[in-house]
N, C-alpha and C. Protein backbone atom coordinates (compact mmCIF):
# COMPACT_ATOMS: atom_id res chain seq x y z
N MET A 1 72.28 -191.72 -36.67
CA MET A 1 71.81 -193.10 -36.77
C MET A 1 72.96 -194.01 -36.36
N THR A 2 72.65 -194.93 -35.47
CA THR A 2 73.65 -195.91 -35.05
C THR A 2 73.11 -197.31 -35.28
N LYS A 3 74.03 -198.26 -35.36
CA LYS A 3 73.63 -199.66 -35.47
C LYS A 3 73.72 -200.26 -34.07
N SER A 4 72.66 -200.91 -33.67
CA SER A 4 72.63 -201.57 -32.37
C SER A 4 72.43 -203.06 -32.57
N HIS A 5 72.95 -203.83 -31.63
CA HIS A 5 72.89 -205.28 -31.72
C HIS A 5 72.33 -205.82 -30.40
N PHE A 6 71.40 -206.76 -30.51
CA PHE A 6 70.81 -207.42 -29.35
C PHE A 6 70.76 -208.91 -29.66
N SER A 7 70.85 -209.75 -28.63
CA SER A 7 70.79 -211.19 -28.88
C SER A 7 70.28 -211.91 -27.63
N ILE A 8 69.80 -213.13 -27.87
CA ILE A 8 69.36 -214.00 -26.78
C ILE A 8 69.41 -215.44 -27.27
N TYR A 9 69.70 -216.34 -26.33
CA TYR A 9 69.65 -217.77 -26.62
C TYR A 9 68.28 -218.28 -26.17
N ILE A 10 67.61 -219.02 -27.04
CA ILE A 10 66.29 -219.58 -26.74
C ILE A 10 66.38 -221.09 -26.88
N ASN A 11 65.97 -221.79 -25.84
CA ASN A 11 66.04 -223.25 -25.82
C ASN A 11 64.84 -223.83 -26.57
N ALA A 12 64.84 -223.64 -27.86
CA ALA A 12 63.79 -224.15 -28.75
C ALA A 12 64.37 -224.19 -30.16
N PRO A 13 63.84 -225.09 -31.00
CA PRO A 13 64.33 -225.17 -32.39
C PRO A 13 64.10 -223.87 -33.16
N ARG A 14 64.95 -223.65 -34.14
CA ARG A 14 64.89 -222.43 -34.95
C ARG A 14 63.52 -222.19 -35.55
N GLU A 15 62.88 -223.23 -36.07
CA GLU A 15 61.57 -223.08 -36.71
C GLU A 15 60.53 -222.57 -35.70
N LYS A 16 60.58 -223.12 -34.46
CA LYS A 16 59.63 -222.68 -33.44
C LYS A 16 59.89 -221.23 -33.04
N VAL A 17 61.15 -220.87 -32.90
CA VAL A 17 61.49 -219.48 -32.53
C VAL A 17 61.03 -218.53 -33.63
N TRP A 18 61.29 -218.89 -34.88
CA TRP A 18 60.86 -218.08 -36.03
C TRP A 18 59.35 -217.87 -35.99
N ASN A 19 58.62 -218.98 -35.85
CA ASN A 19 57.15 -218.91 -35.84
C ASN A 19 56.64 -218.10 -34.66
N THR A 20 57.30 -218.20 -33.53
CA THR A 20 56.90 -217.44 -32.34
C THR A 20 57.16 -215.96 -32.55
N MET A 21 58.31 -215.64 -33.12
CA MET A 21 58.67 -214.23 -33.31
C MET A 21 57.77 -213.55 -34.34
N LEU A 22 57.40 -214.27 -35.40
CA LEU A 22 56.70 -213.64 -36.51
C LEU A 22 55.21 -213.99 -36.60
N GLY A 23 54.75 -214.98 -35.86
CA GLY A 23 53.33 -215.35 -35.89
C GLY A 23 52.47 -214.28 -35.24
N ASP A 24 51.29 -214.05 -35.77
CA ASP A 24 50.45 -212.94 -35.32
C ASP A 24 50.20 -212.93 -33.82
N ALA A 25 49.67 -214.00 -33.27
CA ALA A 25 49.29 -214.01 -31.84
C ALA A 25 50.51 -213.87 -30.94
N THR A 26 51.59 -214.60 -31.23
CA THR A 26 52.76 -214.55 -30.38
C THR A 26 53.57 -213.27 -30.60
N TYR A 27 53.52 -212.72 -31.80
CA TYR A 27 54.14 -211.40 -32.04
C TYR A 27 53.55 -210.36 -31.09
N ARG A 28 52.24 -210.40 -30.94
CA ARG A 28 51.55 -209.44 -30.06
C ARG A 28 52.01 -209.59 -28.62
N GLU A 29 52.33 -210.84 -28.22
CA GLU A 29 52.78 -211.07 -26.84
C GLU A 29 54.15 -210.45 -26.58
N TRP A 30 55.15 -210.80 -27.41
CA TRP A 30 56.50 -210.34 -27.08
C TRP A 30 56.71 -208.86 -27.39
N THR A 31 55.99 -208.32 -28.36
CA THR A 31 56.18 -206.90 -28.68
C THR A 31 55.43 -205.97 -27.73
N ALA A 32 54.62 -206.53 -26.84
CA ALA A 32 53.98 -205.70 -25.81
C ALA A 32 55.05 -205.02 -24.95
N SER A 33 56.27 -205.56 -24.95
CA SER A 33 57.38 -204.93 -24.22
C SER A 33 57.72 -203.55 -24.80
N PHE A 34 57.46 -203.37 -26.07
CA PHE A 34 57.67 -202.07 -26.71
C PHE A 34 56.46 -201.18 -26.52
N CYS A 35 55.29 -201.76 -26.78
CA CYS A 35 54.03 -201.01 -26.69
C CYS A 35 52.88 -202.01 -26.56
N PRO A 36 52.22 -202.04 -25.41
CA PRO A 36 51.05 -202.94 -25.30
C PRO A 36 50.05 -202.65 -26.41
N GLY A 37 49.57 -203.70 -27.04
CA GLY A 37 48.63 -203.52 -28.15
C GLY A 37 49.29 -203.51 -29.51
N SER A 38 50.61 -203.74 -29.57
CA SER A 38 51.33 -203.77 -30.85
C SER A 38 50.86 -204.95 -31.71
N TYR A 39 50.81 -204.71 -33.00
CA TYR A 39 50.46 -205.76 -33.96
C TYR A 39 50.97 -205.34 -35.33
N TYR A 40 50.85 -206.24 -36.29
CA TYR A 40 51.23 -205.89 -37.66
C TYR A 40 50.10 -206.25 -38.62
N VAL A 41 50.12 -205.56 -39.77
CA VAL A 41 49.20 -205.83 -40.86
C VAL A 41 50.06 -205.98 -42.10
N GLY A 42 49.91 -207.09 -42.78
CA GLY A 42 50.70 -207.33 -43.97
C GLY A 42 51.32 -208.71 -43.92
N SER A 43 52.40 -208.86 -44.65
CA SER A 43 53.02 -210.17 -44.83
C SER A 43 54.52 -210.09 -44.58
N TRP A 44 55.08 -211.20 -44.12
CA TRP A 44 56.52 -211.33 -43.93
C TRP A 44 57.21 -211.82 -45.22
N ASP A 45 56.46 -211.96 -46.31
CA ASP A 45 57.04 -212.42 -47.58
C ASP A 45 58.00 -211.37 -48.13
N GLN A 46 59.09 -211.83 -48.73
CA GLN A 46 60.06 -210.91 -49.31
C GLN A 46 59.37 -209.98 -50.31
N GLY A 47 59.63 -208.68 -50.18
CA GLY A 47 59.06 -207.67 -51.07
C GLY A 47 57.71 -207.15 -50.61
N ALA A 48 57.11 -207.77 -49.61
CA ALA A 48 55.77 -207.39 -49.16
C ALA A 48 55.80 -206.13 -48.29
N GLU A 49 54.71 -205.40 -48.37
CA GLU A 49 54.48 -204.26 -47.49
C GLU A 49 54.00 -204.79 -46.14
N ILE A 50 54.46 -204.14 -45.06
CA ILE A 50 54.02 -204.51 -43.72
C ILE A 50 53.94 -203.25 -42.88
N LYS A 51 52.88 -203.16 -42.09
CA LYS A 51 52.68 -202.01 -41.20
C LYS A 51 52.73 -202.51 -39.77
N PHE A 52 53.58 -201.88 -38.98
CA PHE A 52 53.70 -202.19 -37.55
C PHE A 52 52.93 -201.12 -36.81
N LEU A 53 51.85 -201.53 -36.14
CA LEU A 53 50.91 -200.57 -35.57
C LEU A 53 50.71 -200.78 -34.08
N GLY A 54 50.17 -199.76 -33.46
CA GLY A 54 49.84 -199.84 -32.05
C GLY A 54 49.04 -198.62 -31.65
N PRO A 55 48.55 -198.62 -30.41
CA PRO A 55 47.73 -197.50 -29.95
C PRO A 55 48.56 -196.23 -29.77
N ASP A 56 47.89 -195.10 -29.92
CA ASP A 56 48.57 -193.82 -29.67
C ASP A 56 48.37 -193.43 -28.20
N GLU A 57 48.90 -192.27 -27.83
CA GLU A 57 48.83 -191.81 -26.44
C GLU A 57 47.40 -191.57 -25.96
N LYS A 58 46.46 -191.44 -26.90
CA LYS A 58 45.05 -191.25 -26.55
C LYS A 58 44.30 -192.57 -26.45
N GLY A 59 45.01 -193.69 -26.73
CA GLY A 59 44.37 -194.99 -26.64
C GLY A 59 43.74 -195.48 -27.92
N ASN A 60 43.83 -194.68 -29.00
CA ASN A 60 43.32 -195.12 -30.30
C ASN A 60 44.11 -196.35 -30.73
N PRO A 61 43.46 -197.53 -30.89
CA PRO A 61 44.20 -198.76 -31.16
C PRO A 61 44.95 -198.75 -32.49
N ASP A 62 44.56 -197.93 -33.43
CA ASP A 62 45.25 -197.82 -34.72
C ASP A 62 45.96 -196.48 -34.83
N GLY A 63 46.48 -196.01 -33.71
CA GLY A 63 47.03 -194.66 -33.64
C GLY A 63 48.21 -194.39 -34.55
N GLY A 64 49.10 -195.35 -34.65
CA GLY A 64 50.26 -195.08 -35.49
C GLY A 64 51.25 -196.21 -35.48
N GLY A 65 52.35 -195.97 -36.18
CA GLY A 65 53.39 -196.98 -36.25
C GLY A 65 54.34 -196.74 -37.39
N MET A 66 54.85 -197.87 -37.90
CA MET A 66 55.87 -197.83 -38.95
C MET A 66 55.34 -198.43 -40.24
N TYR A 67 55.71 -197.82 -41.34
CA TYR A 67 55.40 -198.34 -42.67
C TYR A 67 56.69 -198.94 -43.20
N SER A 68 56.65 -200.22 -43.58
CA SER A 68 57.88 -200.94 -43.90
C SER A 68 57.67 -201.91 -45.06
N ARG A 69 58.79 -202.51 -45.48
CA ARG A 69 58.78 -203.54 -46.53
C ARG A 69 59.75 -204.63 -46.08
N ILE A 70 59.41 -205.87 -46.42
CA ILE A 70 60.32 -206.97 -46.12
C ILE A 70 61.36 -207.02 -47.24
N LYS A 71 62.55 -206.61 -46.91
CA LYS A 71 63.64 -206.53 -47.89
C LYS A 71 64.15 -207.91 -48.26
N GLU A 72 64.24 -208.81 -47.25
CA GLU A 72 64.74 -210.15 -47.51
C GLU A 72 64.10 -211.10 -46.51
N ASN A 73 63.82 -212.33 -46.96
CA ASN A 73 63.27 -213.36 -46.09
C ASN A 73 63.82 -214.71 -46.53
N ARG A 74 64.67 -215.27 -45.66
CA ARG A 74 65.17 -216.63 -45.85
C ARG A 74 64.55 -217.46 -44.72
N LEU A 75 63.59 -218.27 -45.04
CA LEU A 75 62.78 -219.00 -44.07
C LEU A 75 63.62 -219.65 -42.97
N HIS A 76 63.25 -219.33 -41.73
CA HIS A 76 63.86 -219.87 -40.52
C HIS A 76 65.32 -219.48 -40.34
N GLU A 77 65.81 -218.54 -41.16
CA GLU A 77 67.21 -218.11 -41.06
C GLU A 77 67.38 -216.62 -40.84
N PHE A 78 66.68 -215.82 -41.66
CA PHE A 78 66.96 -214.38 -41.67
C PHE A 78 65.78 -213.62 -42.24
N VAL A 79 65.46 -212.50 -41.62
CA VAL A 79 64.48 -211.58 -42.19
C VAL A 79 64.99 -210.16 -42.00
N SER A 80 64.87 -209.36 -43.06
CA SER A 80 65.30 -207.97 -43.04
C SER A 80 64.10 -207.07 -43.31
N ILE A 81 63.84 -206.18 -42.36
CA ILE A 81 62.74 -205.23 -42.46
C ILE A 81 63.33 -203.87 -42.85
N GLU A 82 62.83 -203.30 -43.92
CA GLU A 82 63.25 -201.97 -44.34
C GLU A 82 62.15 -200.98 -43.93
N HIS A 83 62.46 -200.15 -42.94
CA HIS A 83 61.50 -199.15 -42.48
C HIS A 83 61.57 -197.94 -43.42
N LEU A 84 60.39 -197.58 -43.95
CA LEU A 84 60.32 -196.55 -44.99
C LEU A 84 59.59 -195.28 -44.55
N GLY A 85 58.80 -195.36 -43.48
CA GLY A 85 58.05 -194.19 -43.06
C GLY A 85 57.28 -194.46 -41.78
N ILE A 86 56.48 -193.46 -41.41
CA ILE A 86 55.66 -193.57 -40.22
C ILE A 86 54.19 -193.49 -40.61
N ILE A 87 53.37 -193.98 -39.70
CA ILE A 87 51.92 -193.92 -39.89
C ILE A 87 51.34 -193.17 -38.70
N THR A 88 50.56 -192.15 -38.99
CA THR A 88 49.90 -191.38 -37.95
C THR A 88 48.43 -191.26 -38.30
N ASN A 89 47.57 -191.74 -37.40
CA ASN A 89 46.12 -191.72 -37.64
C ASN A 89 45.76 -192.33 -38.99
N GLY A 90 46.44 -193.41 -39.36
CA GLY A 90 46.15 -194.12 -40.59
C GLY A 90 46.80 -193.55 -41.84
N VAL A 91 47.51 -192.44 -41.71
CA VAL A 91 48.14 -191.79 -42.86
C VAL A 91 49.62 -192.15 -42.91
N VAL A 92 50.06 -192.68 -44.06
CA VAL A 92 51.46 -193.05 -44.25
C VAL A 92 52.26 -191.83 -44.69
N ASP A 93 53.40 -191.60 -44.04
CA ASP A 93 54.30 -190.49 -44.37
C ASP A 93 55.68 -191.07 -44.70
N THR A 94 56.08 -190.94 -45.96
CA THR A 94 57.41 -191.39 -46.37
C THR A 94 58.26 -190.24 -46.91
N THR A 95 57.70 -189.01 -46.88
CA THR A 95 58.38 -187.91 -47.56
C THR A 95 58.70 -186.70 -46.68
N SER A 96 58.21 -186.66 -45.45
CA SER A 96 58.47 -185.48 -44.62
C SER A 96 59.95 -185.38 -44.26
N GLU A 97 60.37 -184.20 -43.89
CA GLU A 97 61.77 -183.99 -43.49
C GLU A 97 62.11 -184.85 -42.28
N GLU A 98 61.18 -185.03 -41.36
CA GLU A 98 61.40 -185.86 -40.18
C GLU A 98 61.71 -187.31 -40.59
N VAL A 99 60.94 -187.85 -41.52
CA VAL A 99 61.15 -189.23 -41.99
C VAL A 99 62.46 -189.32 -42.78
N LYS A 100 62.76 -188.33 -43.59
CA LYS A 100 63.97 -188.37 -44.41
C LYS A 100 65.24 -188.41 -43.56
N LYS A 101 65.15 -188.02 -42.28
CA LYS A 101 66.32 -188.05 -41.40
C LYS A 101 66.79 -189.48 -41.14
N TRP A 102 65.88 -190.46 -41.23
CA TRP A 102 66.26 -191.83 -40.86
C TRP A 102 65.86 -192.90 -41.88
N ALA A 103 65.00 -192.59 -42.80
CA ALA A 103 64.52 -193.61 -43.74
C ALA A 103 65.37 -193.61 -45.01
N PRO A 104 65.67 -194.78 -45.53
CA PRO A 104 65.30 -196.08 -44.98
C PRO A 104 66.24 -196.47 -43.83
N SER A 105 65.71 -197.29 -42.93
CA SER A 105 66.52 -197.90 -41.88
C SER A 105 66.14 -199.37 -41.83
N PHE A 106 67.02 -200.17 -41.26
CA PHE A 106 66.83 -201.62 -41.29
C PHE A 106 66.78 -202.22 -39.90
N GLU A 107 65.99 -203.28 -39.80
CA GLU A 107 65.87 -204.10 -38.60
C GLU A 107 65.99 -205.54 -39.09
N ASN A 108 67.05 -206.22 -38.68
CA ASN A 108 67.33 -207.56 -39.19
C ASN A 108 67.32 -208.58 -38.07
N TYR A 109 66.68 -209.73 -38.34
CA TYR A 109 66.64 -210.84 -37.39
C TYR A 109 67.35 -212.03 -38.02
N THR A 110 68.31 -212.59 -37.27
CA THR A 110 69.04 -213.77 -37.71
C THR A 110 68.82 -214.88 -36.69
N PHE A 111 68.56 -216.08 -37.17
CA PHE A 111 68.27 -217.25 -36.33
C PHE A 111 69.36 -218.29 -36.59
N VAL A 112 70.11 -218.67 -35.53
CA VAL A 112 71.25 -219.55 -35.68
C VAL A 112 71.10 -220.75 -34.74
N ASP A 113 71.23 -221.96 -35.29
CA ASP A 113 71.21 -223.16 -34.45
C ASP A 113 72.39 -223.13 -33.50
N LYS A 114 72.11 -223.46 -32.20
CA LYS A 114 73.19 -223.50 -31.23
C LYS A 114 72.80 -224.41 -30.08
N ASP A 115 73.58 -225.43 -29.83
CA ASP A 115 73.41 -226.32 -28.66
C ASP A 115 71.98 -226.81 -28.50
N GLY A 116 71.34 -227.19 -29.59
CA GLY A 116 69.97 -227.69 -29.53
C GLY A 116 68.91 -226.62 -29.44
N GLY A 117 69.32 -225.39 -29.42
CA GLY A 117 68.38 -224.25 -29.37
C GLY A 117 68.70 -223.26 -30.47
N THR A 118 68.38 -222.01 -30.23
CA THR A 118 68.52 -220.98 -31.26
C THR A 118 69.06 -219.69 -30.66
N ASP A 119 70.09 -219.15 -31.29
CA ASP A 119 70.52 -217.79 -31.00
C ASP A 119 69.71 -216.87 -31.90
N VAL A 120 69.07 -215.88 -31.31
CA VAL A 120 68.36 -214.85 -32.07
C VAL A 120 69.21 -213.59 -32.01
N LEU A 121 69.58 -213.09 -33.18
CA LEU A 121 70.40 -211.89 -33.30
C LEU A 121 69.56 -210.80 -33.94
N VAL A 122 69.55 -209.64 -33.32
CA VAL A 122 68.80 -208.50 -33.84
C VAL A 122 69.80 -207.39 -34.11
N ASP A 123 69.83 -206.91 -35.34
CA ASP A 123 70.66 -205.77 -35.73
C ASP A 123 69.73 -204.70 -36.25
N MET A 124 69.89 -203.50 -35.73
CA MET A 124 68.90 -202.46 -36.02
C MET A 124 69.56 -201.09 -36.14
N ASP A 125 69.13 -200.34 -37.15
CA ASP A 125 69.50 -198.93 -37.27
C ASP A 125 68.60 -198.15 -36.32
N ILE A 126 69.20 -197.38 -35.42
CA ILE A 126 68.41 -196.63 -34.45
C ILE A 126 68.80 -195.17 -34.50
N ASN A 127 67.79 -194.32 -34.60
CA ASN A 127 67.97 -192.88 -34.53
C ASN A 127 68.56 -192.57 -33.15
N ASP A 128 69.57 -191.73 -33.09
CA ASP A 128 70.27 -191.45 -31.84
C ASP A 128 69.34 -191.01 -30.72
N GLU A 129 68.29 -190.28 -31.04
CA GLU A 129 67.39 -189.80 -29.99
C GLU A 129 66.56 -190.92 -29.36
N HIS A 130 66.48 -192.08 -30.01
CA HIS A 130 65.71 -193.21 -29.47
C HIS A 130 66.60 -194.36 -28.99
N LYS A 131 67.92 -194.18 -29.06
CA LYS A 131 68.86 -195.25 -28.73
C LYS A 131 68.67 -195.77 -27.31
N ALA A 132 68.62 -194.92 -26.33
CA ALA A 132 68.48 -195.35 -24.93
C ALA A 132 67.17 -196.10 -24.71
N GLN A 133 66.12 -195.63 -25.33
CA GLN A 133 64.81 -196.26 -25.22
C GLN A 133 64.84 -197.69 -25.76
N PHE A 134 65.42 -197.88 -26.95
CA PHE A 134 65.50 -199.23 -27.54
C PHE A 134 66.46 -200.12 -26.77
N GLU A 135 67.54 -199.55 -26.26
CA GLU A 135 68.48 -200.36 -25.47
C GLU A 135 67.85 -200.85 -24.18
N ASP A 136 66.85 -200.16 -23.70
CA ASP A 136 66.09 -200.61 -22.53
C ASP A 136 65.03 -201.64 -22.92
N MET A 137 64.33 -201.39 -24.02
CA MET A 137 63.19 -202.23 -24.40
C MET A 137 63.56 -203.55 -25.07
N TRP A 138 64.59 -203.56 -25.93
CA TRP A 138 64.90 -204.79 -26.68
C TRP A 138 65.24 -205.97 -25.77
N PRO A 139 66.08 -205.82 -24.74
CA PRO A 139 66.35 -206.97 -23.87
C PRO A 139 65.07 -207.50 -23.21
N LYS A 140 64.17 -206.63 -22.81
CA LYS A 140 62.90 -207.06 -22.21
C LYS A 140 62.05 -207.81 -23.24
N ALA A 141 62.00 -207.29 -24.46
CA ALA A 141 61.21 -207.94 -25.51
C ALA A 141 61.79 -209.31 -25.85
N LEU A 142 63.11 -209.41 -25.94
CA LEU A 142 63.73 -210.69 -26.25
C LEU A 142 63.53 -211.69 -25.11
N GLN A 143 63.54 -211.22 -23.88
CA GLN A 143 63.28 -212.12 -22.75
C GLN A 143 61.84 -212.65 -22.83
N LYS A 144 60.91 -211.79 -23.20
CA LYS A 144 59.52 -212.23 -23.37
C LYS A 144 59.40 -213.21 -24.53
N LEU A 145 60.09 -212.95 -25.64
CA LEU A 145 60.11 -213.88 -26.75
C LEU A 145 60.62 -215.25 -26.30
N LYS A 146 61.67 -215.25 -25.51
CA LYS A 146 62.25 -216.49 -24.97
C LYS A 146 61.20 -217.24 -24.16
N GLU A 147 60.51 -216.53 -23.27
CA GLU A 147 59.49 -217.16 -22.43
C GLU A 147 58.39 -217.79 -23.28
N VAL A 148 57.94 -217.06 -24.28
CA VAL A 148 56.84 -217.53 -25.12
C VAL A 148 57.30 -218.73 -25.97
N ALA A 149 58.50 -218.66 -26.54
CA ALA A 149 59.00 -219.74 -27.41
C ALA A 149 59.33 -221.00 -26.62
N GLU A 150 59.70 -220.85 -25.37
CA GLU A 150 60.08 -222.02 -24.56
C GLU A 150 58.89 -222.67 -23.84
N ARG A 151 57.70 -222.12 -23.99
CA ARG A 151 56.51 -222.70 -23.35
C ARG A 151 56.24 -224.09 -23.87
């Protein structure tokens, strides 16, 4: 497991960037860079359960994803996602040996005022076998977030 860092400057106020990143409709837009059809079910409230879902390789729209909890939420400043397991065909797995290799892991978003806009900082625990994949996808996703937030 390694810690990876990604960032982008977005020419929009922090509140707008926050709402764009975490709002249902716009979340679906920028996360399509990871997996077209991505969405979440749950709440961004601190302590809340949240499921990050998307289609599987067979096209099942609820094929799988991540089972997580919002560890911390400071409105318009910081959100910490604690990934606890995986979801396959609607079944949550938090106890298998495969999941125990990386869970819990964290994905943190920090929003910082800068020059009339917002720096978005992403810090994420990444399993070594997926590091190259995320290093390719995160910059694309953040660029899409920038486009959507600056509209």
